[in-house]
Amino acid sequence: QVQLVESGGGLVQAGGSLRLSCAASGSIFSINTMGWYRQAPGKQRELVAVISSGGSTNYADSVKGRFSISRDNAKNTVYLQMNSLKPEDTAVYYCKILTRPREYEFWGQGTQVTVSS
């Protein structure tokens, strides 16, 4: 059994910052990719940022320069630092991990981020 526990969401004014955390626990041998996705009302879930086991990162164009993803492998935790937040960043944010050597996918329960104008 694998659990992902997210924290750090909330309400913030435009231009503000939030830091999301996602801690994985349970029967995990090793984690390959860790990532953050978001889903706004009426829209499809989209990639925000991913980070490989080696630390390579990839970001959605809409968040480049504002968001930063990082991970602590010793704690099986991934972080998303969000700066210069905009109202269009409002969404439920989900973390996802891919395990290895067998690739299993696990999702967190989601955390709400609301940015007021």
Protein backbone atom coordinates (compact mmCIF):
# COMPACT_ATOMS: atom_id res chain seq x y z
CA GLN A 1 0.00 0.00 0.00
CA VAL A 2 1.33 3.42 -1.03
CA GLN A 3 0.04 6.72 0.28
CA LEU A 4 0.74 10.23 -0.96
CA VAL A 5 -0.09 13.01 1.48
CA GLU A 6 -0.19 16.53 0.11
CA SER A 7 -0.10 19.76 2.08
CA GLY A 8 0.46 23.47 1.63
CA GLY A 9 -2.54 24.55 -0.40
CA GLY A 10 -4.71 27.50 0.53
CA LEU A 11 -5.96 30.94 -0.39
CA VAL A 12 -3.48 33.60 -1.46
CA GLN A 13 -3.66 36.97 -3.19
CA ALA A 14 -2.31 37.44 -6.69
CA GLY A 15 1.44 37.93 -6.58
CA GLY A 16 1.80 35.81 -3.47
CA SER A 17 3.55 32.51 -2.89
CA LEU A 18 2.72 29.02 -1.68
CA ARG A 19 4.79 25.88 -1.18
CA LEU A 20 3.20 22.50 -1.74
CA SER A 21 4.58 19.27 -0.29
CA CYS A 22 3.80 15.67 -1.11
CA ALA A 23 5.18 12.85 1.03
CA ALA A 24 5.05 9.27 -0.17
CA SER A 25 4.97 6.35 2.25
CA GLY A 26 4.28 2.64 2.23
CA SER A 27 5.62 -0.20 0.13
CA ILE A 28 7.92 1.79 -2.11
CA PHE A 29 11.16 0.25 -3.31
CA SER A 30 12.27 3.24 -5.31
CA ILE A 31 10.67 6.31 -6.88
CA ASN A 32 11.52 7.33 -10.42
CA THR A 33 9.64 10.43 -11.55
CA MET A 34 7.71 12.75 -9.21
CA GLY A 35 5.39 15.42 -10.49
CA TRP A 36 2.66 17.94 -9.91
CA TYR A 37 -0.51 18.28 -11.95
CA ARG A 38 -3.50 20.55 -11.60
CA GLN A 39 -7.13 20.60 -12.58
CA ALA A 40 -9.22 23.74 -12.72
CA PRO A 41 -13.04 23.59 -12.74
CA GLY A 42 -14.32 22.51 -16.13
CA LYS A 43 -10.85 21.79 -17.46
CA GLN A 44 -8.74 18.69 -17.95
CA ARG A 45 -5.95 17.79 -15.58
CA GLU A 46 -2.66 19.20 -16.84
CA LEU A 47 1.01 18.79 -16.10
CA VAL A 48 2.58 21.53 -14.00
CA ALA A 49 6.09 20.21 -13.35
CA VAL A 50 8.00 16.94 -13.13
CA ILE A 51 11.36 15.96 -11.71
CA SER A 52 13.33 12.82 -12.46
CA SER A 53 15.27 10.72 -9.99
CA GLY A 54 18.39 12.46 -11.23
CA GLY A 55 16.98 15.92 -10.70
CA SER A 56 16.08 16.85 -14.27
CA THR A 57 13.02 19.06 -14.39
CA ASN A 58 10.34 19.98 -16.88
CA TYR A 59 7.69 22.70 -16.55
CA ALA A 60 4.52 23.76 -18.28
CA ASP A 61 5.10 26.95 -20.24
CA SER A 62 2.51 28.75 -18.14
CA VAL A 63 4.54 28.34 -14.93
CA LYS A 64 8.13 28.62 -16.18
CA GLY A 65 10.06 31.20 -14.21
CA ARG A 66 7.46 31.27 -11.43
CA PHE A 67 7.27 27.70 -10.10
CA SER A 68 10.11 25.45 -8.95
CA ILE A 69 9.93 21.72 -8.32
CA SER A 70 12.36 19.89 -6.03
CA ARG A 71 12.57 16.58 -4.20
CA ASP A 72 14.11 15.04 -1.11
CA ASN A 73 14.82 11.42 -1.95
CA ALA A 74 15.62 10.51 1.66
CA LYS A 75 12.12 11.60 2.65
CA ASN A 76 10.33 10.46 -0.54
CA THR A 77 8.95 13.98 -0.74
CA VAL A 78 8.40 16.34 -3.64
CA TYR A 79 7.88 20.08 -3.32
CA LEU A 80 6.42 22.78 -5.53
CA GLN A 81 7.42 26.35 -4.77
CA MET A 82 4.91 28.68 -6.42
CA ASN A 83 5.76 32.36 -6.70
CA SER A 84 4.07 35.28 -8.44
CA LEU A 85 0.78 33.42 -8.34
CA LYS A 86 -1.99 34.44 -10.72
CA PRO A 87 -5.76 33.89 -10.53
CA GLU A 88 -5.43 31.45 -13.44
CA ASP A 89 -3.28 29.23 -11.21
CA THR A 90 -6.39 28.44 -9.18
CA ALA A 91 -6.94 24.67 -9.28
CA VAL A 92 -6.73 21.46 -7.34
CA TYR A 93 -3.09 20.39 -7.37
CA TYR A 94 -2.22 16.69 -7.40
CA CYS A 95 1.12 14.98 -6.96
CA LYS A 96 2.01 11.82 -8.82
CA ILE A 97 4.86 9.35 -8.53
CA LEU A 98 6.14 6.59 -10.79
CA THR A 99 7.92 3.75 -9.05
CA ARG A 100 10.73 1.55 -10.28
CA PRO A 101 11.89 -0.96 -11.29
CA ARG A 102 8.28 -1.87 -12.00
CA GLU A 103 6.48 1.27 -13.10
CA TYR A 104 3.43 1.83 -10.93
CA GLU A 105 1.60 5.15 -10.81
CA PHE A 106 0.22 6.67 -7.62
CA TRP A 107 -1.71 9.91 -7.09
CA GLY A 108 -2.27 12.12 -4.10
CA GLN A 109 -5.72 13.21 -2.99
CA GLY A 110 -5.27 16.78 -4.21
CA THR A 111 -4.91 20.12 -2.46
CA GLN A 112 -6.84 23.26 -3.36
CA VAL A 113 -4.97 26.39 -4.39
CA THR A 114 -7.04 29.53 -4.78
CA VAL A 115 -5.53 32.80 -6.00
CA SER A 116 -7.66 35.90 -5.56
CA SER A 117 -7.31 38.95 -7.78
